[in-house]
Amino acid sequence: MRAEADETFLCAWCGELNEITVDVSGGIEQVLVTDCEVCCRPNLLTVRIDVDGDAFTVEASRES
């Protein structure tokens, strides 16, 4: 299993593609807030990692 992985998400505000680095050791479901690289608005990210640490899903929603 990798310790970190680069993943992408679409900003919930402007729709632009962003990249984040996911800490695989942080658990199979993680919630974090990160600002969009384009519009600088905060995105609430829910990251889900499969048991093997090989597949990821990242869902972004608006953080207000």
PDB file of N, CA and C in Angstrom:
ATOM      1  N   MET A   1       0.842  -1.173   0.000  1.00  0.00           N
ATOM      2  CA  MET A   1       0.000   0.000   0.000  1.00  0.00           C
ATOM      3  C   MET A   1       0.892   1.242   0.000  1.00  0.00           C
ATOM      4  N   ARG A   2       0.488   2.243  -0.771  1.00  0.00           N
ATOM      5  CA  ARG A   2       1.231   3.502  -0.849  1.00  0.00           C
ATOM      6  C   ARG A   2       0.914   4.372   0.372  1.00  0.00           C
ATOM      7  N   ALA A   3       1.818   5.247   0.727  1.00  0.00           N
ATOM      8  CA  ALA A   3       1.591   6.165   1.844  1.00  0.00           C
ATOM      9  C   ALA A   3       0.803   7.385   1.397  1.00  0.00           C
ATOM     10  N   GLU A   4       1.023   7.831   0.158  1.00  0.00           N
ATOM     11  CA  GLU A   4       0.331   8.990  -0.388  1.00  0.00           C
ATOM     12  C   GLU A   4      -0.057   8.717  -1.832  1.00  0.00           C
ATOM     13  N   ALA A   5      -1.075   9.439  -2.287  1.00  0.00           N
ATOM     14  CA  ALA A   5      -1.500   9.314  -3.680  1.00  0.00           C
ATOM     15  C   ALA A   5      -2.029  10.655  -4.158  1.00  0.00           C
ATOM     16  N   ASP A   6      -1.757  11.000  -5.400  1.00  0.00           N
ATOM     17  CA  ASP A   6      -2.284  12.218  -6.000  1.00  0.00           C
ATOM     18  C   ASP A   6      -3.633  11.901  -6.626  1.00  0.00           C
ATOM     19  N   GLU A   7      -4.625  12.721  -6.303  1.00  0.00           N
ATOM     20  CA  GLU A   7      -5.977  12.553  -6.824  1.00  0.00           C
ATOM     21  C   GLU A   7      -6.498  13.905  -7.292  1.00  0.00           C
ATOM     22  N   THR A   8      -7.572  13.889  -8.068  1.00  0.00           N
ATOM     23  CA  THR A   8      -8.164  15.129  -8.563  1.00  0.00           C
ATOM     24  C   THR A   8      -9.618  15.248  -8.116  1.00  0.00           C
ATOM     25  N   PHE A   9     -10.102  16.486  -8.111  1.00  0.00           N
ATOM     26  CA  PHE A   9     -11.517  16.749  -7.843  1.00  0.00           C
ATOM     27  C   PHE A   9     -11.921  17.990  -8.620  1.00  0.00           C
ATOM     28  N   LEU A  10     -13.220  18.094  -8.887  1.00  0.00           N
ATOM     29  CA  LEU A  10     -13.765  19.286  -9.520  1.00  0.00           C
ATOM     30  C   LEU A  10     -14.266  20.221  -8.430  1.00  0.00           C
ATOM     31  N   CYS A  11     -13.860  21.480  -8.505  1.00  0.00           N
ATOM     32  CA  CYS A  11     -14.281  22.471  -7.518  1.00  0.00           C
ATOM     33  C   CYS A  11     -15.805  22.551  -7.503  1.00  0.00           C
ATOM     34  N   ALA A  12     -16.379  22.538  -6.312  1.00  0.00           N
ATOM     35  CA  ALA A  12     -17.831  22.617  -6.159  1.00  0.00           C
ATOM     36  C   ALA A  12     -18.356  24.020  -6.477  1.00  0.00           C
ATOM     37  N   TRP A  13     -17.484  25.002  -6.572  1.00  0.00           N
ATOM     38  CA  TRP A  13     -17.875  26.386  -6.850  1.00  0.00           C
ATOM     39  C   TRP A  13     -17.732  26.736  -8.327  1.00  0.00           C
ATOM     40  N   CYS A  14     -16.540  26.506  -8.885  1.00  0.00           N
ATOM     41  CA  CYS A  14     -16.275  26.969 -10.254  1.00  0.00           C
ATOM     42  C   CYS A  14     -16.128  25.830 -11.261  1.00  0.00           C
ATOM     43  N   GLY A  15     -16.036  24.578 -10.795  1.00  0.00           N
ATOM     44  CA  GLY A  15     -15.960  23.439 -11.687  1.00  0.00           C
ATOM     45  C   GLY A  15     -14.578  23.138 -12.245  1.00  0.00           C
ATOM     46  N   GLU A  16     -13.565  23.881 -11.808  1.00  0.00           N
ATOM     47  CA  GLU A  16     -12.208  23.647 -12.302  1.00  0.00           C
ATOM     48  C   GLU A  16     -11.594  22.411 -11.657  1.00  0.00           C
ATOM     49  N   LEU A  17     -10.748  21.734 -12.403  1.00  0.00           N
ATOM     50  CA  LEU A  17     -10.055  20.547 -11.924  1.00  0.00           C
ATOM     51  C   LEU A  17      -8.922  20.955 -10.982  1.00  0.00           C
ATOM     52  N   ASN A  18      -8.839  20.303  -9.823  1.00  0.00           N
ATOM     53  CA  ASN A  18      -7.807  20.544  -8.822  1.00  0.00           C
ATOM     54  C   ASN A  18      -7.145  19.224  -8.477  1.00  0.00           C
ATOM     55  N   GLU A  19      -5.918  19.309  -7.997  1.00  0.00           N
ATOM     56  CA  GLU A  19      -5.193  18.107  -7.574  1.00  0.00           C
ATOM     57  C   GLU A  19      -4.872  18.206  -6.084  1.00  0.00           C
ATOM     58  N   ILE A  20      -5.009  17.071  -5.385  1.00  0.00           N
ATOM     59  CA  ILE A  20      -4.642  16.996  -3.976  1.00  0.00           C
ATOM     60  C   ILE A  20      -3.788  15.754  -3.761  1.00  0.00           C
ATOM     61  N   THR A  21      -3.070  15.748  -2.657  1.00  0.00           N
ATOM     62  CA  THR A  21      -2.324  14.573  -2.242  1.00  0.00           C
ATOM     63  C   THR A  21      -3.063  13.964  -1.058  1.00  0.00           C
ATOM     64  N   VAL A  22      -3.429  12.700  -1.176  1.00  0.00           N
ATOM     65  CA  VAL A  22      -4.192  11.996  -0.138  1.00  0.00           C
ATOM     66  C   VAL A  22      -3.239  11.165   0.713  1.00  0.00           C
ATOM     67  N   ASP A  23      -3.365  11.298   2.031  1.00  0.00           N
ATOM     68  CA  ASP A  23      -2.601  10.482   2.974  1.00  0.00           C
ATOM     69  C   ASP A  23      -3.366   9.179   3.172  1.00  0.00           C
ATOM     70  N   VAL A  24      -2.885   8.114   2.562  1.00  0.00           N
ATOM     71  CA  VAL A  24      -3.576   6.826   2.588  1.00  0.00           C
ATOM     72  C   VAL A  24      -3.680   6.283   4.018  1.00  0.00           C
ATOM     73  N   SER A  25      -2.715   6.603   4.865  1.00  0.00           N
ATOM     74  CA  SER A  25      -2.728   6.093   6.241  1.00  0.00           C
ATOM     75  C   SER A  25      -3.754   6.811   7.112  1.00  0.00           C
ATOM     76  N   GLY A  26      -4.452   7.807   6.580  1.00  0.00           N
ATOM     77  CA  GLY A  26      -5.432   8.567   7.350  1.00  0.00           C
ATOM     78  C   GLY A  26      -6.766   7.880   7.533  1.00  0.00           C
ATOM     79  N   GLY A  27      -6.938   6.675   7.017  1.00  0.00           N
ATOM     80  CA  GLY A  27      -8.191   5.943   7.163  1.00  0.00           C
ATOM     81  C   GLY A  27      -8.918   5.808   5.845  1.00  0.00           C
ATOM     82  N   ILE A  28      -9.914   4.915   5.821  1.00  0.00           N
ATOM     83  CA  ILE A  28     -10.611   4.633   4.560  1.00  0.00           C
ATOM     84  C   ILE A  28     -11.626   5.704   4.193  1.00  0.00           C
ATOM     85  N   GLU A  29     -12.030   6.559   5.144  1.00  0.00           N
ATOM     86  CA  GLU A  29     -12.877   7.704   4.830  1.00  0.00           C
ATOM     87  C   GLU A  29     -12.316   8.909   5.547  1.00  0.00           C
ATOM     88  N   GLN A  30     -12.038   9.942   4.776  1.00  0.00           N
ATOM     89  CA  GLN A  30     -11.452  11.157   5.316  1.00  0.00           C
ATOM     90  C   GLN A  30     -12.273  12.354   4.860  1.00  0.00           C
ATOM     91  N   VAL A  31     -12.365  13.354   5.717  1.00  0.00           N
ATOM     92  CA  VAL A  31     -13.040  14.597   5.374  1.00  0.00           C
ATOM     93  C   VAL A  31     -12.045  15.728   5.618  1.00  0.00           C
ATOM     94  N   LEU A  32     -11.885  16.580   4.615  1.00  0.00           N
ATOM     95  CA  LEU A  32     -10.964  17.700   4.752  1.00  0.00           C
ATOM     96  C   LEU A  32     -11.465  18.884   3.952  1.00  0.00           C
ATOM     97  N   VAL A  33     -10.929  20.045   4.253  1.00  0.00           N
ATOM     98  CA  VAL A  33     -11.285  21.261   3.534  1.00  0.00           C
ATOM     99  C   VAL A  33     -10.040  21.747   2.815  1.00  0.00           C
ATOM    100  N   THR A  34     -10.196  22.053   1.530  1.00  0.00           N
ATOM    101  CA  THR A  34      -9.086  22.604   0.753  1.00  0.00           C
ATOM    102  C   THR A  34      -9.626  23.677  -0.182  1.00  0.00           C
ATOM    103  N   ASP A  35      -8.834  24.716  -0.384  1.00  0.00           N
ATOM    104  CA  ASP A  35      -9.244  25.806  -1.266  1.00  0.00           C
ATOM    105  C   ASP A  35      -8.974  25.446  -2.720  1.00  0.00           C
ATOM    106  N   CYS A  36      -9.862  25.894  -3.591  1.00  0.00           N
ATOM    107  CA  CYS A  36      -9.690  25.711  -5.029  1.00  0.00           C
ATOM    108  C   CYS A  36      -8.457  26.494  -5.478  1.00  0.00           C
ATOM    109  N   GLU A  37      -7.653  25.905  -6.339  1.00  0.00           N
ATOM    110  CA  GLU A  37      -6.461  26.565  -6.861  1.00  0.00           C
ATOM    111  C   GLU A  37      -6.806  27.709  -7.813  1.00  0.00           C
ATOM    112  N   VAL A  38      -8.039  27.726  -8.336  1.00  0.00           N
ATOM    113  CA  VAL A  38      -8.439  28.734  -9.308  1.00  0.00           C
ATOM    114  C   VAL A  38      -9.245  29.862  -8.655  1.00  0.00           C
ATOM    115  N   CYS A  39     -10.353  29.516  -7.982  1.00  0.00           N
ATOM    116  CA  CYS A  39     -11.232  30.554  -7.426  1.00  0.00           C
ATOM    117  C   CYS A  39     -10.997  30.804  -5.931  1.00  0.00           C
ATOM    118  N   CYS A  40     -10.173  29.998  -5.297  1.00  0.00           N
ATOM    119  CA  CYS A  40      -9.779  30.146  -3.883  1.00  0.00           C
ATOM    120  C   CYS A  40     -10.913  29.917  -2.883  1.00  0.00           C
ATOM    121  N   ARG A  41     -12.036  29.393  -3.328  1.00  0.00           N
ATOM    122  CA  ARG A  41     -13.132  29.104  -2.402  1.00  0.00           C
ATOM    123  C   ARG A  41     -12.903  27.748  -1.745  1.00  0.00           C
ATOM    124  N   PRO A  42     -13.393  27.580  -0.506  1.00  0.00           N
ATOM    125  CA  PRO A  42     -13.168  26.326   0.215  1.00  0.00           C
ATOM    126  C   PRO A  42     -14.078  25.200  -0.268  1.00  0.00           C
ATOM    127  N   ASN A  43     -13.487  24.026  -0.451  1.00  0.00           N
ATOM    128  CA  ASN A  43     -14.217  22.817  -0.825  1.00  0.00           C
ATOM    129  C   ASN A  43     -14.135  21.822   0.320  1.00  0.00           C
ATOM    130  N   LEU A  44     -15.279  21.274   0.696  1.00  0.00           N
ATOM    131  CA  LEU A  44     -15.343  20.204   1.682  1.00  0.00           C
ATOM    132  C   LEU A  44     -15.198  18.900   0.902  1.00  0.00           C
ATOM    133  N   LEU A  45     -14.093  18.187   1.127  1.00  0.00           N
ATOM    134  CA  LEU A  45     -13.810  16.970   0.384  1.00  0.00           C
ATOM    135  C   LEU A  45     -14.059  15.744   1.247  1.00  0.00           C
ATOM    136  N   THR A  46     -14.744  14.775   0.681  1.00  0.00           N
ATOM    137  CA  THR A  46     -14.897  13.468   1.294  1.00  0.00           C
ATOM    138  C   THR A  46     -14.103  12.495   0.439  1.00  0.00           C
ATOM    139  N   VAL A  47     -13.085  11.897   1.040  1.00  0.00           N
ATOM    140  CA  VAL A  47     -12.203  10.977   0.333  1.00  0.00           C
ATOM    141  C   VAL A  47     -12.461   9.578   0.862  1.00  0.00           C
ATOM    142  N   ARG A  48     -12.742   8.657  -0.041  1.00  0.00           N
ATOM    143  CA  ARG A  48     -12.945   7.255   0.334  1.00  0.00           C
ATOM    144  C   ARG A  48     -11.869   6.419  -0.351  1.00  0.00           C
ATOM    145  N   ILE A  49     -11.260   5.536   0.439  1.00  0.00           N
ATOM    146  CA  ILE A  49     -10.166   4.703  -0.044  1.00  0.00           C
ATOM    147  C   ILE A  49     -10.573   3.247   0.132  1.00  0.00           C
ATOM    148  N   ASP A  50     -10.351   2.426  -0.903  1.00  0.00           N
ATOM    149  CA  ASP A  50     -10.695   1.009  -0.767  1.00  0.00           C
ATOM    150  C   ASP A  50      -9.745   0.336   0.227  1.00  0.00           C
ATOM    151  N   VAL A  51     -10.084  -0.850   0.642  1.00  0.00           N
ATOM    152  CA  VAL A  51      -9.345  -1.574   1.676  1.00  0.00           C
ATOM    153  C   VAL A  51      -7.884  -1.785   1.298  1.00  0.00           C
ATOM    154  N   ASP A  52      -7.603  -1.996   0.015  1.00  0.00           N
ATOM    155  CA  ASP A  52      -6.236  -2.223  -0.444  1.00  0.00           C
ATOM    156  C   ASP A  52      -5.435  -0.928  -0.600  1.00  0.00           C
ATOM    157  N   GLY A  53      -6.132   0.213  -0.540  1.00  0.00           N
ATOM    158  CA  GLY A  53      -5.459   1.493  -0.716  1.00  0.00           C
ATOM    159  C   GLY A  53      -5.123   1.808  -2.154  1.00  0.00           C
ATOM    160  N   ASP A  54      -5.802   1.139  -3.090  1.00  0.00           N
ATOM    161  CA  ASP A  54      -5.488   1.313  -4.507  1.00  0.00           C
ATOM    162  C   ASP A  54      -6.504   2.165  -5.270  1.00  0.00           C
ATOM    163  N   ALA A  55      -7.734   2.261  -4.787  1.00  0.00           N
ATOM    164  CA  ALA A  55      -8.774   3.003  -5.488  1.00  0.00           C
ATOM    165  C   ALA A  55      -9.328   4.097  -4.580  1.00  0.00           C
ATOM    166  N   PHE A  56      -9.559   5.264  -5.170  1.00  0.00           N
ATOM    167  CA  PHE A  56      -9.997   6.423  -4.412  1.00  0.00           C
ATOM    168  C   PHE A  56     -11.215   7.047  -5.070  1.00  0.00           C
ATOM    169  N   THR A  57     -12.083   7.643  -4.268  1.00  0.00           N
ATOM    170  CA  THR A  57     -13.115   8.535  -4.772  1.00  0.00           C
ATOM    171  C   THR A  57     -13.014   9.813  -3.962  1.00  0.00           C
ATOM    172  N   VAL A  58     -13.146  10.936  -4.643  1.00  0.00           N
ATOM    173  CA  VAL A  58     -13.092  12.231  -3.977  1.00  0.00           C
ATOM    174  C   VAL A  58     -14.341  12.998  -4.394  1.00  0.00           C
ATOM    175  N   GLU A  59     -15.157  13.375  -3.401  1.00  0.00           N
ATOM    176  CA  GLU A  59     -16.365  14.142  -3.649  1.00  0.00           C
ATOM    177  C   GLU A  59     -16.199  15.511  -3.024  1.00  0.00           C
ATOM    178  N   ALA A  60     -16.482  16.556  -3.804  1.00  0.00           N
ATOM    179  CA  ALA A  60     -16.359  17.928  -3.316  1.00  0.00           C
ATOM    180  C   ALA A  60     -17.739  18.545  -3.147  1.00  0.00           C
ATOM    181  N   SER A  61     -17.897  19.281  -2.066  1.00  0.00           N
ATOM    182  CA  SER A  61     -19.111  20.054  -1.846  1.00  0.00           C
ATOM    183  C   SER A  61     -18.709  21.432  -1.338  1.00  0.00           C
ATOM    184  N   ARG A  62     -19.647  22.358  -1.352  1.00  0.00           N
ATOM    185  CA  ARG A  62     -19.350  23.728  -0.951  1.00  0.00           C
ATOM    186  C   ARG A  62     -19.221  23.836   0.571  1.00  0.00           C
ATOM    187  N   GLU A  63     -18.124  24.430   1.005  1.00  0.00           N
ATOM    188  CA  GLU A  63     -17.890  24.743   2.408  1.00  0.00           C
ATOM    189  C   GLU A  63     -18.193  26.224   2.568  1.00  0.00           C
ATOM    190  N   SER A  64     -19.062  26.553   3.493  1.00  0.00           N
ATOM    191  CA  SER A  64     -19.398  27.984   3.637  1.00  0.00           C
ATOM    192  C   SER A  64     -19.041  28.493   5.009  1.00  0.00           C
TER     193      SER A  64
END
